[in-house]
Amino acid sequence: MHARNLLTLTLLVGSILALALAAQFLEVRLFVRIVTNLFIMMVLVIGLQVFMGNSGILSFAHVGFMGVGAYTTAVLTIPLRMKGMALPDLYPLVAGLELAPELGILAGGLVAALIAAAIAYPLMRLSDAAAVITLFALLVVLHTIMLHWSAVTNGPRTLFGLPRATDLTLAAVVAALTVPVALLFKESRVGLLLRSSRDDEVAAAALGARVPFLRWQAFVLSAFLAGIGGALWAHFITSFSPKAFYLKESFVILAMLVIGGPGTVTGAVVGTYLVTLAFESLRALEAWLNRAQIFAEQVVGLTEVVLALAMIGVLVLRPGGLVATREVGTWLLRRRSKKGEEP
């Protein structure tokens, strides 16, 4: 790994560990909960960056694989004494299983990756608007299955009974491990060829790049990270329904990546930090406005409106996001070299 990538890795992972230590030191329950959720979202955003940032194709299906990971770990880790109440019609093959949450989280990622590997290759032959529409259709399919496969998901009703296993430490460790995975993939031969196909698909194919296969590899890795993130979230929230894995969550994750910059891992991390800060601040402001009764009616949806406007502003002013092309390590080293060249 080049010096610039090592510096990027050190700074990004260092920021994660520093924030985790600060939350641990302060011991404010609300702050710890916010930071833990931030790290879970970071895993999901970085997972989306692996595919979208390298291929240039917008993937709405990402949140669907988050749901696959969440329901997989739920089926495998809900205690047996609770499983009969939470999933009374569960198939006998898995009804008697009770794995440790850590194994369930890993299984969530693997099942999401296997499903992506099985169904995604034909979709990777598409580009531009056709690919985006098809991946949105895939999200609809996954959501519909989660909504109606009552034996496994409890249907549209809330699934409960998961052990609370995701704490600040586990979320921080997984987020810290996700960063080098994304950086290594970006700098790998597959990542480099995939980005070349993003910039000029015809030229890359003419040079021998198997573009659908490259996209498929990135999509499977992205689904794996989405499944891990979904399983982490499931063991953090402990009860959920299929509506948690649809359009609203897709919008938030996309906003984090688009605002930060889909072309870089640094952008994914920075976007997660900024949007989480803005989201929590706006939610607190909305609650204060409602308590103070400044307006005749309740203020609802302020966070989503402001987040959408911020996303539009970034796309207009900086289409590549706040960190568009250079990782933080590359930017710092180039800045230092320029200062060294000055007389």
Protein backbone atom coordinates (compact mmCIF):
# COMPACT_ATOMS: atom_id res chain seq x y z
CA MET A 1 0.00 0.00 0.00
CA HIS A 2 1.35 3.43 -0.98
CA ALA A 3 2.25 6.05 1.63
CA ARG A 4 -0.75 8.17 0.65
CA ASN A 5 -3.11 5.26 1.24
CA LEU A 6 -1.48 4.42 4.57
CA LEU A 7 -1.91 8.03 5.63
CA THR A 8 -5.54 7.99 4.51
CA LEU A 9 -6.14 4.74 6.40
CA THR A 10 -4.48 6.10 9.54
CA LEU A 11 -6.49 9.33 9.51
CA LEU A 12 -9.87 7.73 8.79
CA VAL A 13 -9.49 4.87 11.25
CA GLY A 14 -7.98 7.29 13.77
CA SER A 15 -11.04 9.53 13.53
CA ILE A 16 -13.30 6.53 14.18
CA LEU A 17 -11.32 5.39 17.21
CA ALA A 18 -11.03 8.95 18.57
CA LEU A 19 -14.79 9.47 18.34
CA ALA A 20 -15.43 6.09 19.98
CA LEU A 21 -13.05 6.91 22.85
CA ALA A 22 -14.63 10.33 23.31
CA ALA A 23 -18.11 8.80 23.53
CA GLN A 24 -16.83 6.14 25.95
CA PHE A 25 -15.15 8.77 28.11
CA LEU A 26 -18.13 11.13 28.26
CA GLU A 27 -20.54 8.30 29.19
CA VAL A 28 -23.60 10.24 28.02
CA ARG A 29 -26.13 7.61 27.02
CA LEU A 30 -27.72 9.62 24.20
CA PHE A 31 -24.33 10.55 22.74
CA VAL A 32 -23.15 6.93 22.88
CA ARG A 33 -26.31 5.83 21.08
CA ILE A 34 -25.88 8.48 18.37
CA VAL A 35 -22.21 7.57 17.82
CA THR A 36 -22.99 3.85 17.70
CA ASN A 37 -25.67 4.45 15.07
CA LEU A 38 -23.21 6.67 13.18
CA PHE A 39 -20.70 3.83 12.94
CA ILE A 40 -23.38 1.44 11.70
CA MET A 41 -24.40 3.95 9.03
CA MET A 42 -20.74 4.37 8.11
CA VAL A 43 -20.46 0.65 7.35
CA LEU A 44 -23.49 0.95 5.06
CA VAL A 45 -22.26 4.13 3.34
CA ILE A 46 -18.77 2.73 2.73
CA GLY A 47 -20.37 -0.44 1.40
CA LEU A 48 -22.37 1.64 -1.08
CA GLN A 49 -19.21 3.55 -2.05
CA VAL A 50 -17.47 0.29 -2.97
CA PHE A 51 -19.94 -0.24 -5.81
CA MET A 52 -21.32 3.19 -6.66
CA GLY A 53 -18.05 5.09 -6.30
CA ASN A 54 -16.03 2.69 -8.44
CA SER A 55 -18.63 1.79 -11.06
CA GLY A 56 -20.46 5.13 -11.30
CA ILE A 57 -23.83 3.34 -11.09
CA LEU A 58 -26.37 4.43 -8.49
CA SER A 59 -27.63 1.43 -6.48
CA PHE A 60 -30.97 1.66 -4.70
CA ALA A 61 -30.79 -2.07 -3.91
CA HIS A 62 -28.20 -1.47 -1.17
CA VAL A 63 -30.80 -0.99 1.56
CA GLY A 64 -32.54 -4.18 0.42
CA PHE A 65 -29.38 -6.15 1.21
CA MET A 66 -29.24 -4.36 4.55
CA GLY A 67 -32.65 -5.92 5.23
CA VAL A 68 -31.41 -9.35 4.12
CA GLY A 69 -28.60 -9.13 6.68
CA ALA A 70 -30.96 -7.97 9.42
CA TYR A 71 -33.49 -10.76 8.91
CA THR A 72 -30.80 -13.42 8.47
CA THR A 73 -29.21 -12.66 11.82
CA ALA A 74 -32.65 -12.43 13.42
CA VAL A 75 -33.62 -15.92 12.27
CA LEU A 76 -30.31 -17.35 13.51
CA THR A 77 -29.86 -15.53 16.83
CA ILE A 78 -33.27 -14.97 18.42
CA PRO A 79 -33.26 -17.08 21.62
CA LEU A 80 -35.21 -20.32 21.32
CA ARG A 81 -37.56 -19.32 24.12
CA MET A 82 -38.53 -16.23 22.10
CA LYS A 83 -38.42 -17.67 18.61
CA GLY A 84 -41.71 -19.52 18.96
CA MET A 85 -43.50 -16.25 19.76
CA ALA A 86 -41.62 -14.01 17.31
CA LEU A 87 -41.69 -16.44 14.36
CA PRO A 88 -44.31 -19.12 15.06
CA ASP A 89 -44.29 -20.42 11.47
CA LEU A 90 -40.51 -20.58 11.04
CA TYR A 91 -39.22 -23.60 9.13
CA PRO A 92 -38.00 -26.51 11.32
CA LEU A 93 -34.57 -26.42 9.66
CA VAL A 94 -33.71 -23.13 11.39
CA ALA A 95 -36.29 -23.03 14.18
CA GLY A 96 -33.93 -24.89 16.53
CA LEU A 97 -30.85 -22.75 15.81
CA GLU A 98 -29.51 -20.19 18.24
CA LEU A 99 -26.15 -18.79 17.17
CA ALA A 100 -24.02 -16.19 18.91
CA PRO A 101 -24.81 -12.67 17.63
CA GLU A 102 -21.29 -12.28 16.19
CA LEU A 103 -21.83 -15.38 14.03
CA GLY A 104 -25.28 -14.12 13.06
CA ILE A 105 -23.81 -10.78 11.94
CA LEU A 106 -21.24 -12.57 9.77
CA ALA A 107 -23.96 -14.84 8.39
CA GLY A 108 -26.04 -11.78 7.52
CA GLY A 109 -23.22 -10.45 5.38
CA LEU A 110 -22.59 -13.82 3.72
CA VAL A 111 -26.25 -14.45 2.87
CA ALA A 112 -26.58 -10.95 1.40
CA ALA A 113 -23.44 -11.53 -0.68
CA LEU A 114 -24.69 -14.94 -1.88
CA ILE A 115 -28.03 -13.52 -2.98
CA ALA A 116 -26.28 -10.67 -4.77
CA ALA A 117 -23.90 -13.11 -6.45
CA ALA A 118 -26.78 -15.29 -7.62
CA ILE A 119 -28.99 -12.61 -9.14
CA ALA A 120 -26.84 -9.60 -10.01
CA TYR A 121 -24.61 -10.68 -12.90
CA PRO A 122 -27.19 -10.17 -15.67
CA LEU A 123 -28.02 -6.75 -14.20
CA MET A 124 -24.38 -5.68 -14.39
CA ARG A 125 -24.57 -5.70 -18.19
CA LEU A 126 -26.75 -2.59 -17.99
CA SER A 127 -25.47 0.98 -17.72
CA ASP A 128 -26.73 4.48 -17.02
CA ALA A 129 -30.47 4.95 -16.49
CA ALA A 130 -31.33 1.32 -17.30
CA ALA A 131 -29.04 0.07 -14.53
CA VAL A 132 -30.45 2.54 -11.97
CA ILE A 133 -34.06 1.62 -12.78
CA THR A 134 -33.28 -2.10 -12.64
CA LEU A 135 -31.54 -1.81 -9.27
CA PHE A 136 -34.48 0.18 -7.94
CA ALA A 137 -36.73 -2.64 -9.15
CA LEU A 138 -34.50 -5.07 -7.26
CA LEU A 139 -35.07 -3.03 -4.09
CA VAL A 140 -38.83 -3.30 -4.66
CA VAL A 141 -38.53 -7.07 -5.11
CA LEU A 142 -36.49 -7.51 -1.93
CA HIS A 143 -38.85 -5.27 0.04
CA THR A 144 -41.91 -7.15 -1.23
CA ILE A 145 -40.38 -10.48 -0.22
CA MET A 146 -39.59 -9.17 3.25
CA LEU A 147 -43.10 -7.77 3.51
CA HIS A 148 -44.89 -11.02 2.62
CA TRP A 149 -42.60 -13.90 3.66
CA SER A 150 -44.25 -14.14 7.05
CA ALA A 151 -42.62 -17.43 8.06
CA VAL A 152 -39.18 -15.79 8.07
CA THR A 153 -39.81 -12.06 8.53
CA ASN A 154 -43.12 -11.97 10.44
CA GLY A 155 -44.55 -10.14 7.44
CA PRO A 156 -45.40 -6.45 7.80
CA ARG A 157 -45.50 -6.80 11.58
CA THR A 158 -42.61 -5.91 13.85
CA LEU A 159 -40.07 -8.66 14.43
CA PHE A 160 -38.82 -8.69 18.02
CA GLY A 161 -36.63 -10.69 20.36
CA LEU A 162 -33.13 -10.09 18.98
CA PRO A 163 -30.39 -9.97 21.62
CA ARG A 164 -28.88 -6.52 22.12
CA ALA A 165 -25.32 -7.26 20.97
CA THR A 166 -24.23 -4.18 19.01
CA ASP A 167 -22.54 -1.75 21.36
CA LEU A 168 -20.19 1.16 20.78
CA THR A 169 -17.09 -1.04 20.72
CA LEU A 170 -18.40 -3.57 18.21
CA ALA A 171 -19.78 -0.88 15.89
CA ALA A 172 -16.51 1.07 16.00
CA VAL A 173 -14.40 -2.03 15.31
CA VAL A 174 -16.52 -3.06 12.31
CA ALA A 175 -16.50 0.50 10.92
CA ALA A 176 -12.72 0.67 11.36
CA LEU A 177 -12.30 -2.65 9.52
CA THR A 178 -14.57 -1.54 6.69
CA VAL A 179 -12.30 1.39 5.80
CA PRO A 180 -9.24 -0.71 4.78
CA VAL A 181 -11.50 -3.14 2.90
CA ALA A 182 -12.84 -0.28 0.77
CA LEU A 183 -9.39 1.28 0.28
CA LEU A 184 -7.81 -2.04 -0.70
CA PHE A 185 -10.59 -2.74 -3.17
CA LYS A 186 -10.28 0.74 -4.64
CA GLU A 187 -6.54 0.31 -5.23
CA SER A 188 -6.80 -3.31 -6.40
CA ARG A 189 -6.66 -4.30 -10.05
CA VAL A 190 -10.42 -4.84 -10.05
CA GLY A 191 -11.02 -1.38 -8.59
CA LEU A 192 -8.69 0.33 -11.04
CA LEU A 193 -10.24 -1.41 -14.05
CA LEU A 194 -13.73 -0.70 -12.76
CA ARG A 195 -13.00 3.02 -12.44
CA SER A 196 -11.56 3.04 -15.94
CA SER A 197 -14.81 1.52 -17.21
CA ARG A 198 -16.71 4.18 -15.24
CA ASP A 199 -14.84 6.91 -17.10
CA ASP A 200 -14.99 5.25 -20.53
CA GLU A 201 -16.76 1.90 -20.75
CA VAL A 202 -16.12 1.37 -24.45
CA ALA A 203 -12.39 2.03 -24.17
CA ALA A 204 -12.06 -0.21 -21.10
CA ALA A 205 -13.89 -3.05 -22.85
CA ALA A 206 -11.69 -2.59 -25.93
CA LEU A 207 -8.61 -3.04 -23.74
CA GLY A 208 -9.95 -6.37 -22.48
CA ALA A 209 -11.75 -5.36 -19.27
CA ARG A 210 -14.73 -7.64 -18.53
CA VAL A 211 -16.94 -4.80 -17.35
CA PRO A 212 -19.98 -6.85 -16.19
CA PHE A 213 -17.74 -9.19 -14.18
CA LEU A 214 -15.89 -6.25 -12.59
CA ARG A 215 -19.17 -4.63 -11.60
CA TRP A 216 -20.46 -7.96 -10.29
CA GLN A 217 -17.46 -8.34 -7.97
CA ALA A 218 -17.94 -4.83 -6.59
CA PHE A 219 -21.68 -5.42 -6.19
CA VAL A 220 -21.17 -8.64 -4.22
CA LEU A 221 -18.67 -6.97 -1.87
CA SER A 222 -21.03 -4.03 -1.48
CA ALA A 223 -23.91 -6.39 -0.62
CA PHE A 224 -21.70 -8.19 1.93
CA LEU A 225 -20.95 -4.92 3.72
CA ALA A 226 -24.63 -3.94 3.52
CA GLY A 227 -25.59 -7.26 5.11
CA ILE A 228 -23.04 -6.74 7.88
CA GLY A 229 -24.35 -3.22 8.48
CA GLY A 230 -27.95 -4.43 8.52
CA ALA A 231 -27.13 -7.20 11.00
CA LEU A 232 -25.29 -4.73 13.24
CA TRP A 233 -28.29 -2.41 13.11
CA ALA A 234 -30.67 -5.27 13.90
CA HIS A 235 -28.75 -6.16 17.07
CA PHE A 236 -28.68 -2.48 17.99
CA ILE A 237 -32.38 -1.71 17.55
CA THR A 238 -33.55 -5.31 18.46
CA SER A 239 -37.00 -4.94 16.82
CA PHE A 240 -37.94 -3.77 13.33
CA SER A 241 -40.27 -4.24 10.38
CA PRO A 242 -39.72 -4.27 6.58
CA LYS A 243 -40.49 -0.54 6.30
CA ALA A 244 -37.07 0.09 7.92
CA PHE A 245 -35.42 -1.04 4.67
CA TYR A 246 -37.01 1.06 2.00
CA LEU A 247 -37.04 4.55 0.50
CA LYS A 248 -36.41 6.74 3.56
CA GLU A 249 -33.33 4.79 4.59
CA SER A 250 -32.12 4.69 0.98
CA PHE A 251 -32.37 8.47 0.81
CA VAL A 252 -30.37 9.01 4.01
CA ILE A 253 -27.56 6.65 2.98
CA LEU A 254 -27.42 8.12 -0.52
CA ALA A 255 -27.37 11.65 0.91
CA MET A 256 -24.40 10.77 3.11
CA LEU A 257 -22.45 9.40 0.17
CA VAL A 258 -23.43 12.07 -2.37
CA ILE A 259 -22.70 14.97 0.01
CA GLY A 260 -19.38 13.50 1.11
CA GLY A 261 -18.30 12.36 -2.35
CA PRO A 262 -18.96 8.92 -3.88
CA GLY A 263 -15.58 8.83 -5.61
CA THR A 264 -13.55 8.46 -2.40
CA VAL A 265 -13.65 6.47 0.82
CA THR A 266 -12.82 9.72 2.61
CA GLY A 267 -15.99 11.21 1.12
CA ALA A 268 -18.07 8.34 2.50
CA VAL A 269 -16.65 8.84 5.99
CA VAL A 270 -16.90 12.64 5.91
CA GLY A 271 -20.44 12.49 4.53
CA THR A 272 -21.50 10.15 7.33
CA TYR A 273 -20.09 12.52 9.94
CA LEU A 274 -21.63 15.66 8.45
CA VAL A 275 -25.08 14.28 7.70
CA THR A 276 -25.35 12.61 11.12
CA LEU A 277 -24.40 15.90 12.80
CA ALA A 278 -26.91 17.83 10.67
CA PHE A 279 -29.62 15.19 11.15
CA GLU A 280 -29.34 15.12 14.93
CA SER A 281 -29.10 18.93 15.15
CA LEU A 282 -32.17 19.43 12.98
CA ARG A 283 -34.10 16.81 14.88
CA ALA A 284 -33.30 18.61 18.15
CA LEU A 285 -34.33 21.93 16.57
CA GLU A 286 -37.58 20.42 15.35
CA ALA A 287 -38.36 19.08 18.82
CA TRP A 288 -37.57 22.46 20.38
CA LEU A 289 -39.82 24.32 17.93
CA ASN A 290 -42.68 21.96 18.70
CA ARG A 291 -42.19 22.25 22.46
CA ALA A 292 -42.02 26.04 22.28
CA GLN A 293 -45.15 26.10 20.08
CA ILE A 294 -43.70 28.88 17.93
CA PHE A 295 -45.87 27.81 15.00
CA ALA A 296 -49.59 27.13 15.11
CA GLU A 297 -49.08 23.60 13.80
CA GLN A 298 -46.49 20.95 14.60
CA VAL A 299 -43.27 21.14 12.59
CA VAL A 300 -42.80 17.80 10.82
CA GLY A 301 -40.21 16.72 8.27
CA LEU A 302 -37.75 19.59 8.83
CA THR A 303 -34.75 17.22 8.84
CA GLU A 304 -35.69 15.57 5.55
CA VAL A 305 -36.40 18.89 3.80
CA VAL A 306 -33.13 20.50 4.87
CA LEU A 307 -31.18 17.35 4.03
CA ALA A 308 -32.75 17.28 0.56
CA LEU A 309 -31.91 20.95 0.00
CA ALA A 310 -28.33 20.35 1.16
CA MET A 311 -28.06 17.44 -1.27
CA ILE A 312 -29.34 19.61 -4.13
CA GLY A 313 -26.91 22.39 -3.19
CA VAL A 314 -23.93 20.02 -3.18
CA LEU A 315 -24.93 18.52 -6.52
CA VAL A 316 -25.21 22.00 -8.06
CA LEU A 317 -22.07 23.53 -6.57
CA ARG A 318 -19.84 20.44 -6.24
CA PRO A 319 -21.23 17.59 -8.37
CA GLY A 320 -18.51 15.24 -7.14
CA GLY A 321 -19.25 15.88 -3.47
CA LEU A 322 -17.16 17.63 -0.83
CA VAL A 323 -14.28 15.15 -1.29
CA ALA A 324 -14.57 14.44 -4.97
CA THR A 325 -11.40 12.78 -6.27
CA ARG A 326 -8.53 12.79 -3.76
CA GLU A 327 -8.37 10.80 -0.56
CA VAL A 328 -7.33 12.80 2.48
CA GLY A 329 -3.85 11.25 2.51
CA THR A 330 -3.23 12.17 -1.12
CA TRP A 331 -4.47 15.71 -0.53
CA LEU A 332 -2.21 16.25 2.51
CA LEU A 333 0.89 14.85 0.82
CA ARG A 334 0.38 16.97 -2.30
CA ARG A 335 -0.20 20.06 -0.20
CA ARG A 336 2.99 19.37 1.76
CA SER A 337 4.99 18.83 -1.44
CA LYS A 338 3.68 22.11 -2.89
CA LYS A 339 4.74 23.97 0.25
CA GLY A 340 8.19 22.37 -0.01
CA GLU A 341 8.55 23.64 -3.57
CA GLU A 342 7.80 27.24 -2.62
CA PRO A 343 10.90 29.47 -2.40
